[in-house]
PDB file of N, CA and C in Angstrom:
ATOM      1  N   VAL A   1       5.205  -4.351  -4.643  1.00  0.00           N
ATOM      2  CA  VAL A   1       5.292  -3.377  -3.572  1.00  0.00           C
ATOM      3  C   VAL A   1       6.636  -2.653  -3.646  1.00  0.00           C
ATOM      4  N   ARG A   2       7.675  -3.409  -3.913  1.00  0.00           N
ATOM      5  CA  ARG A   2       9.005  -2.808  -3.978  1.00  0.00           C
ATOM      6  C   ARG A   2       9.084  -1.752  -5.076  1.00  0.00           C
ATOM      7  N   SER A   3       8.564  -2.067  -6.259  1.00  0.00           N
ATOM      8  CA  SER A   3       8.642  -1.111  -7.364  1.00  0.00           C
ATOM      9  C   SER A   3       7.794   0.134  -7.085  1.00  0.00           C
ATOM     10  N   VAL A   4       6.657  -0.029  -6.418  1.00  0.00           N
ATOM     11  CA  VAL A   4       5.835   1.127  -6.055  1.00  0.00           C
ATOM     12  C   VAL A   4       6.601   2.012  -5.086  1.00  0.00           C
ATOM     13  N   PHE A   5       7.209   1.404  -4.063  1.00  0.00           N
ATOM     14  CA  PHE A   5       7.969   2.173  -3.079  1.00  0.00           C
ATOM     15  C   PHE A   5       9.167   2.869  -3.730  1.00  0.00           C
ATOM     16  N   GLU A   6       9.888   2.155  -4.596  1.00  0.00           N
ATOM     17  CA  GLU A   6      11.051   2.760  -5.257  1.00  0.00           C
ATOM     18  C   GLU A   6      10.636   3.928  -6.141  1.00  0.00           C
ATOM     19  N   SER A   7       9.551   3.785  -6.885  1.00  0.00           N
ATOM     20  CA  SER A   7       9.125   4.888  -7.752  1.00  0.00           C
ATOM     21  C   SER A   7       8.657   6.077  -6.915  1.00  0.00           C
ATOM     22  N   TRP A   8       8.018   5.802  -5.771  1.00  0.00           N
ATOM     23  CA  TRP A   8       7.588   6.874  -4.871  1.00  0.00           C
ATOM     24  C   TRP A   8       8.812   7.630  -4.343  1.00  0.00           C
ATOM     25  N   MET A   9       9.828   6.910  -3.917  1.00  0.00           N
ATOM     26  CA  MET A   9      11.014   7.538  -3.340  1.00  0.00           C
ATOM     27  C   MET A   9      11.829   8.288  -4.387  1.00  0.00           C
ATOM     28  N   ARG A  10      11.737   7.909  -5.645  1.00  0.00           N
ATOM     29  CA  ARG A  10      12.498   8.565  -6.710  1.00  0.00           C
ATOM     30  C   ARG A  10      11.742   9.719  -7.357  1.00  0.00           C
ATOM     31  N   SER A  11      10.496   9.871  -6.986  1.00  0.00           N
ATOM     32  CA  SER A  11       9.674  10.923  -7.570  1.00  0.00           C
ATOM     33  C   SER A  11      10.268  12.291  -7.244  1.00  0.00           C
ATOM     34  N   ALA A  12      10.219  13.191  -8.233  1.00  0.00           N
ATOM     35  CA  ALA A  12      10.786  14.531  -8.057  1.00  0.00           C
ATOM     36  C   ALA A  12      10.016  15.337  -7.014  1.00  0.00           C
ATOM     37  N   ASP A  13       8.739  15.106  -6.893  1.00  0.00           N
ATOM     38  CA  ASP A  13       7.929  15.880  -5.952  1.00  0.00           C
ATOM     39  C   ASP A  13       7.405  15.021  -4.798  1.00  0.00           C
ATOM     40  N   VAL A  14       8.233  14.105  -4.332  1.00  0.00           N
ATOM     41  CA  VAL A  14       7.816  13.154  -3.298  1.00  0.00           C
ATOM     42  C   VAL A  14       7.407  13.851  -2.006  1.00  0.00           C
ATOM     43  N   VAL A  15       8.102  14.899  -1.606  1.00  0.00           N
ATOM     44  CA  VAL A  15       7.761  15.593  -0.365  1.00  0.00           C
ATOM     45  C   VAL A  15       6.403  16.269  -0.503  1.00  0.00           C
ATOM     46  N   VAL A  16       6.163  16.887  -1.652  1.00  0.00           N
ATOM     47  CA  VAL A  16       4.880  17.556  -1.896  1.00  0.00           C
ATOM     48  C   VAL A  16       3.749  16.537  -1.915  1.00  0.00           C
ATOM     49  N   GLN A  17       3.944  15.412  -2.606  1.00  0.00           N
ATOM     50  CA  GLN A  17       2.904  14.386  -2.693  1.00  0.00           C
ATOM     51  C   GLN A  17       2.637  13.740  -1.332  1.00  0.00           C
ATOM     52  N   THR A  18       3.688  13.528  -0.550  1.00  0.00           N
ATOM     53  CA  THR A  18       3.504  12.974   0.787  1.00  0.00           C
ATOM     54  C   THR A  18       2.708  13.944   1.646  1.00  0.00           C
ATOM     55  N   ARG A  19       3.028  15.219   1.553  1.00  0.00           N
ATOM     56  CA  ARG A  19       2.308  16.233   2.316  1.00  0.00           C
ATOM     57  C   ARG A  19       0.823  16.252   1.918  1.00  0.00           C
ATOM     58  N   LYS A  20       0.538  16.139   0.623  1.00  0.00           N
ATOM     59  CA  LYS A  20      -0.854  16.118   0.160  1.00  0.00           C
ATOM     60  C   LYS A  20      -1.595  14.897   0.701  1.00  0.00           C
ATOM     61  N   LEU A  21      -0.930  13.746   0.684  1.00  0.00           N
ATOM     62  CA  LEU A  21      -1.536  12.522   1.213  1.00  0.00           C
ATOM     63  C   LEU A  21      -1.849  12.688   2.691  1.00  0.00           C
ATOM     64  N   VAL A  22      -0.907  13.214   3.456  1.00  0.00           N
ATOM     65  CA  VAL A  22      -1.091  13.391   4.892  1.00  0.00           C
ATOM     66  C   VAL A  22      -2.216  14.387   5.163  1.00  0.00           C
ATOM     67  N   GLU A  23      -2.263  15.479   4.415  1.00  0.00           N
ATOM     68  CA  GLU A  23      -3.331  16.470   4.596  1.00  0.00           C
ATOM     69  C   GLU A  23      -4.698  15.857   4.311  1.00  0.00           C
ATOM     70  N   ARG A  24      -4.801  15.067   3.248  1.00  0.00           N
ATOM     71  CA  ARG A  24      -6.066  14.423   2.923  1.00  0.00           C
ATOM     72  C   ARG A  24      -6.487  13.454   4.023  1.00  0.00           C
ATOM     73  N   LEU A  25      -5.542  12.620   4.491  1.00  0.00           N
ATOM     74  CA  LEU A  25      -5.855  11.666   5.558  1.00  0.00           C
ATOM     75  C   LEU A  25      -6.230  12.386   6.845  1.00  0.00           C
ATOM     76  N   ARG A  26      -5.540  13.470   7.149  1.00  0.00           N
ATOM     77  CA  ARG A  26      -5.844  14.233   8.361  1.00  0.00           C
ATOM     78  C   ARG A  26      -7.260  14.820   8.273  1.00  0.00           C
ATOM     79  N   GLY A  27      -7.615  15.356   7.110  1.00  0.00           N
ATOM     80  CA  GLY A  27      -8.955  15.907   6.920  1.00  0.00           C
ATOM     81  C   GLY A  27     -10.027  14.844   7.068  1.00  0.00           C
ATOM     82  N   GLU A  28      -9.801  13.671   6.484  1.00  0.00           N
ATOM     83  CA  GLU A  28     -10.767  12.579   6.603  1.00  0.00           C
ATOM     84  C   GLU A  28     -10.881  12.109   8.049  1.00  0.00           C
ATOM     85  N   HIS A  29      -9.744  12.041   8.719  1.00  0.00           N
ATOM     86  CA  HIS A  29      -9.732  11.561  10.104  1.00  0.00           C
ATOM     87  C   HIS A  29     -10.468  12.550  11.014  1.00  0.00           C
ATOM     88  N   GLN A  30     -10.217  13.847  10.833  1.00  0.00           N
ATOM     89  CA  GLN A  30     -10.866  14.857  11.670  1.00  0.00           C
ATOM     90  C   GLN A  30     -12.369  14.925  11.407  1.00  0.00           C
ATOM     91  N   ALA A  31     -12.755  14.691  10.168  1.00  0.00           N
ATOM     92  CA  ALA A  31     -14.174  14.740   9.813  1.00  0.00           C
ATOM     93  C   ALA A  31     -14.852  13.384  10.025  1.00  0.00           C
ATOM     94  N   SER A  32     -14.103  12.415  10.516  1.00  0.00           N
ATOM     95  CA  SER A  32     -14.602  11.054  10.725  1.00  0.00           C
ATOM     96  C   SER A  32     -15.183  10.467   9.443  1.00  0.00           C
ATOM     97  N   LYS A  33     -14.566  10.800   8.312  1.00  0.00           N
ATOM     98  CA  LYS A  33     -15.016  10.275   7.029  1.00  0.00           C
ATOM     99  C   LYS A  33     -14.228   9.040   6.608  1.00  0.00           C
ATOM    100  N   ALA A  34     -13.265   8.644   7.421  1.00  0.00           N
ATOM    101  CA  ALA A  34     -12.449   7.483   7.061  1.00  0.00           C
ATOM    102  C   ALA A  34     -13.362   6.281   6.872  1.00  0.00           C
ATOM    103  N   SER A  35     -13.290   5.694   5.706  1.00  0.00           N
ATOM    104  CA  SER A  35     -14.136   4.543   5.414  1.00  0.00           C
ATOM    105  C   SER A  35     -13.271   3.373   4.989  1.00  0.00           C
ATOM    106  N   GLY A  36     -13.855   2.222   5.006  1.00  0.00           N
ATOM    107  CA  GLY A  36     -13.129   1.039   4.598  1.00  0.00           C
ATOM    108  C   GLY A  36     -12.938   0.081   5.750  1.00  0.00           C
ATOM    109  N   PRO A  37     -12.204  -0.991   5.484  1.00  0.00           N
ATOM    110  CA  PRO A  37     -11.979  -2.001   6.525  1.00  0.00           C
ATOM    111  C   PRO A  37     -11.109  -1.460   7.663  1.00  0.00           C
ATOM    112  N   ALA A  38     -11.162  -2.140   8.785  1.00  0.00           N
ATOM    113  CA  ALA A  38     -10.435  -1.708   9.983  1.00  0.00           C
ATOM    114  C   ALA A  38      -8.936  -1.604   9.735  1.00  0.00           C
ATOM    115  N   TRP A  39      -8.355  -2.528   8.958  1.00  0.00           N
ATOM    116  CA  TRP A  39      -6.909  -2.491   8.726  1.00  0.00           C
ATOM    117  C   TRP A  39      -6.520  -1.219   7.973  1.00  0.00           C
ATOM    118  N   LEU A  40      -7.381  -0.732   7.077  1.00  0.00           N
ATOM    119  CA  LEU A  40      -7.075   0.480   6.323  1.00  0.00           C
ATOM    120  C   LEU A  40      -7.122   1.703   7.229  1.00  0.00           C
ATOM    121  N   LYS A  41      -8.122   1.755   8.103  1.00  0.00           N
ATOM    122  CA  LYS A  41      -8.218   2.873   9.048  1.00  0.00           C
ATOM    123  C   LYS A  41      -7.004   2.913   9.965  1.00  0.00           C
ATOM    124  N   LYS A  42      -6.584   1.742  10.439  1.00  0.00           N
ATOM    125  CA  LYS A  42      -5.402   1.693  11.315  1.00  0.00           C
ATOM    126  C   LYS A  42      -4.142   2.088  10.553  1.00  0.00           C
ATOM    127  N   SER A  43      -4.024   1.679   9.299  1.00  0.00           N
ATOM    128  CA  SER A  43      -2.879   2.066   8.472  1.00  0.00           C
ATOM    129  C   SER A  43      -2.854   3.571   8.259  1.00  0.00           C
ATOM    130  N   GLN A  44      -4.025   4.148   8.020  1.00  0.00           N
ATOM    131  CA  GLN A  44      -4.103   5.595   7.834  1.00  0.00           C
ATOM    132  C   GLN A  44      -3.697   6.331   9.100  1.00  0.00           C
ATOM    133  N   ARG A  45      -4.140   5.838  10.257  1.00  0.00           N
ATOM    134  CA  ARG A  45      -3.727   6.456  11.525  1.00  0.00           C
ATOM    135  C   ARG A  45      -2.222   6.333  11.728  1.00  0.00           C
ATOM    136  N   ALA A  46      -1.646   5.200  11.317  1.00  0.00           N
ATOM    137  CA  ALA A  46      -0.198   5.015  11.438  1.00  0.00           C
ATOM    138  C   ALA A  46       0.542   6.021  10.560  1.00  0.00           C
ATOM    139  N   VAL A  47       0.031   6.279   9.352  1.00  0.00           N
ATOM    140  CA  VAL A  47       0.638   7.283   8.474  1.00  0.00           C
ATOM    141  C   VAL A  47       0.614   8.648   9.151  1.00  0.00           C
ATOM    142  N   LEU A  48      -0.519   9.002   9.741  1.00  0.00           N
ATOM    143  CA  LEU A  48      -0.638  10.297  10.412  1.00  0.00           C
ATOM    144  C   LEU A  48       0.312  10.401  11.600  1.00  0.00           C
ATOM    145  N   GLN A  49       0.450   9.326  12.368  1.00  0.00           N
ATOM    146  CA  GLN A  49       1.365   9.343  13.515  1.00  0.00           C
ATOM    147  C   GLN A  49       2.811   9.490  13.064  1.00  0.00           C
ATOM    148  N   LEU A  50       3.188   8.764  12.013  1.00  0.00           N
ATOM    149  CA  LEU A  50       4.554   8.880  11.497  1.00  0.00           C
ATOM    150  C   LEU A  50       4.824  10.274  10.947  1.00  0.00           C
ATOM    151  N   ALA A  51       3.860  10.824  10.220  1.00  0.00           N
ATOM    152  CA  ALA A  51       4.029  12.157   9.643  1.00  0.00           C
ATOM    153  C   ALA A  51       4.155  13.214  10.736  1.00  0.00           C
ATOM    154  N   GLU A  52       3.441  13.018  11.836  1.00  0.00           N
ATOM    155  CA  GLU A  52       3.509  13.969  12.937  1.00  0.00           C
ATOM    156  C   GLU A  52       4.842  13.886  13.668  1.00  0.00           C
ATOM    157  N   SER A  53       5.318  12.677  13.893  1.00  0.00           N
ATOM    158  CA  SER A  53       6.567  12.519  14.642  1.00  0.00           C
ATOM    159  C   SER A  53       7.811  12.694  13.770  1.00  0.00           C
ATOM    160  N   HIS A  54       7.663  12.523  12.456  1.00  0.00           N
ATOM    161  CA  HIS A  54       8.795  12.677  11.533  1.00  0.00           C
ATOM    162  C   HIS A  54       8.380  13.528  10.331  1.00  0.00           C
ATOM    163  N   PRO A  55       8.199  14.833  10.545  1.00  0.00           N
ATOM    164  CA  PRO A  55       7.775  15.684   9.430  1.00  0.00           C
ATOM    165  C   PRO A  55       8.827  15.698   8.315  1.00  0.00           C
ATOM    166  N   GLN A  56       8.379  15.906   7.100  1.00  0.00           N
ATOM    167  CA  GLN A  56       9.239  15.954   5.916  1.00  0.00           C
ATOM    168  C   GLN A  56       9.842  14.604   5.539  1.00  0.00           C
ATOM    169  N   GLN A  57       9.383  13.515   6.146  1.00  0.00           N
ATOM    170  CA  GLN A  57       9.864  12.183   5.790  1.00  0.00           C
ATOM    171  C   GLN A  57       8.879  11.534   4.837  1.00  0.00           C
ATOM    172  N   MET A  58       9.352  11.204   3.641  1.00  0.00           N
ATOM    173  CA  MET A  58       8.459  10.628   2.647  1.00  0.00           C
ATOM    174  C   MET A  58       8.101   9.170   2.943  1.00  0.00           C
ATOM    175  N   GLY A  59       8.783   8.543   3.864  1.00  0.00           N
ATOM    176  CA  GLY A  59       8.479   7.167   4.226  1.00  0.00           C
ATOM    177  C   GLY A  59       7.243   7.035   5.097  1.00  0.00           C
ATOM    178  N   ALA A  60       6.614   8.160   5.446  1.00  0.00           N
ATOM    179  CA  ALA A  60       5.423   8.127   6.301  1.00  0.00           C
ATOM    180  C   ALA A  60       4.284   7.356   5.655  1.00  0.00           C
ATOM    181  N   MET A  61       4.281   7.258   4.336  1.00  0.00           N
ATOM    182  CA  MET A  61       3.196   6.561   3.648  1.00  0.00           C
ATOM    183  C   MET A  61       3.389   5.057   3.613  1.00  0.00           C
ATOM    184  N   LEU A  62       4.497   4.573   4.092  1.00  0.00           N
ATOM    185  CA  LEU A  62       4.822   3.156   4.023  1.00  0.00           C
ATOM    186  C   LEU A  62       3.792   2.218   4.661  1.00  0.00           C
ATOM    187  N   PRO A  63       3.145   2.583   5.775  1.00  0.00           N
ATOM    188  CA  PRO A  63       2.150   1.647   6.335  1.00  0.00           C
ATOM    189  C   PRO A  63       1.040   1.257   5.355  1.00  0.00           C
ATOM    190  N   LEU A  64       0.768   2.094   4.357  1.00  0.00           N
ATOM    191  CA  LEU A  64      -0.259   1.754   3.373  1.00  0.00           C
ATOM    192  C   LEU A  64       0.185   0.622   2.459  1.00  0.00           C
ATOM    193  N   LEU A  65       1.492   0.367   2.392  1.00  0.00           N
ATOM    194  CA  LEU A  65       2.018  -0.696   1.535  1.00  0.00           C
ATOM    195  C   LEU A  65       2.287  -1.989   2.294  1.00  0.00           C
ATOM    196  N   LEU A  66       2.202  -1.944   3.608  1.00  0.00           N
ATOM    197  CA  LEU A  66       2.520  -3.113   4.425  1.00  0.00           C
ATOM    198  C   LEU A  66       1.284  -3.968   4.679  1.00  0.00           C
ATOM    199  N   ASN A  67       1.512  -5.198   5.076  1.00  0.00           N
ATOM    200  CA  ASN A  67       0.428  -6.096   5.456  1.00  0.00           C
ATOM    201  C   ASN A  67       0.113  -5.825   6.921  1.00  0.00           C
ATOM    202  N   TYR A  68      -0.833  -4.951   7.147  1.00  0.00           N
ATOM    203  CA  TYR A  68      -1.176  -4.500   8.489  1.00  0.00           C
ATOM    204  C   TYR A  68      -2.143  -5.495   9.113  1.00  0.00           C
ATOM    205  N   LEU A  69      -1.718  -6.170  10.151  1.00  0.00           N
ATOM    206  CA  LEU A  69      -2.535  -7.198  10.798  1.00  0.00           C
ATOM    207  C   LEU A  69      -3.170  -6.663  12.075  1.00  0.00           C
ATOM    208  N   LEU A  70      -4.421  -7.017  12.266  1.00  0.00           N
ATOM    209  CA  LEU A  70      -5.118  -6.684  13.497  1.00  0.00           C
ATOM    210  C   LEU A  70      -5.309  -7.972  14.284  1.00  0.00           C
ATOM    211  N   VAL A  71      -4.800  -7.995  15.485  1.00  0.00           N
ATOM    212  CA  VAL A  71      -4.903  -9.182  16.319  1.00  0.00           C
ATOM    213  C   VAL A  71      -5.638  -8.796  17.595  1.00  0.00           C
ATOM    214  N   ALA A  72      -6.740  -9.444  17.835  1.00  0.00           N
ATOM    215  CA  ALA A  72      -7.533  -9.184  19.030  1.00  0.00           C
ATOM    216  C   ALA A  72      -6.887  -9.864  20.239  1.00  0.00           C
ATOM    217  N   PRO A  73      -7.182  -9.397  21.434  1.00  0.00           N
ATOM    218  CA  PRO A  73      -6.652 -10.046  22.628  1.00  0.00           C
ATOM    219  C   PRO A  73      -6.994 -11.536  22.622  1.00  0.00           C
ATOM    220  N   GLY A  74      -6.000 -12.353  22.863  1.00  0.00           N
ATOM    221  CA  GLY A  74      -6.185 -13.802  22.885  1.00  0.00           C
ATOM    222  C   GLY A  74      -5.949 -14.473  21.532  1.00  0.00           C
ATOM    223  N   GLU A  75      -5.806 -13.682  20.473  1.00  0.00           N
ATOM    224  CA  GLU A  75      -5.543 -14.226  19.142  1.00  0.00           C
ATOM    225  C   GLU A  75      -4.046 -14.201  18.857  1.00  0.00           C
ATOM    226  N   ALA A  76      -3.648 -14.974  17.868  1.00  0.00           N
ATOM    227  CA  ALA A  76      -2.240 -15.016  17.473  1.00  0.00           C
ATOM    228  C   ALA A  76      -2.153 -15.328  15.974  1.00  0.00           C
ATOM    229  N   PHE A  77      -0.991 -15.139  15.402  1.00  0.00           N
ATOM    230  CA  PHE A  77      -0.765 -15.524  14.022  1.00  0.00           C
ATOM    231  C   PHE A  77       0.635 -16.113  13.908  1.00  0.00           C
ATOM    232  N   TYR A  78       0.816 -17.000  12.953  1.00  0.00           N
ATOM    233  CA  TYR A  78       2.078 -17.675  12.759  1.00  0.00           C
ATOM    234  C   TYR A  78       2.803 -17.064  11.557  1.00  0.00           C
ATOM    235  N   VAL A  79       4.063 -16.723  11.753  1.00  0.00           N
ATOM    236  CA  VAL A  79       4.861 -16.140  10.678  1.00  0.00           C
ATOM    237  C   VAL A  79       5.859 -17.158  10.195  1.00  0.00           C
TER     238      VAL A  79
END
């Protein structure tokens, strides 16, 4: 994960690629085409929220690299 993130941040066109990723996710989200497990959909929404609140930040894609946990009411997990 670290090497993927480092190569992403060092990429010459990181801002352009981040913008393309956000545009694609936004299009899928608006068209309700988002598919996959619940954790992936939530990660994609997190990317869109970060991109909206912090435009031009290439770190907006980071939720896709994290271990995104979904915990239902009454559930817990041990770290």
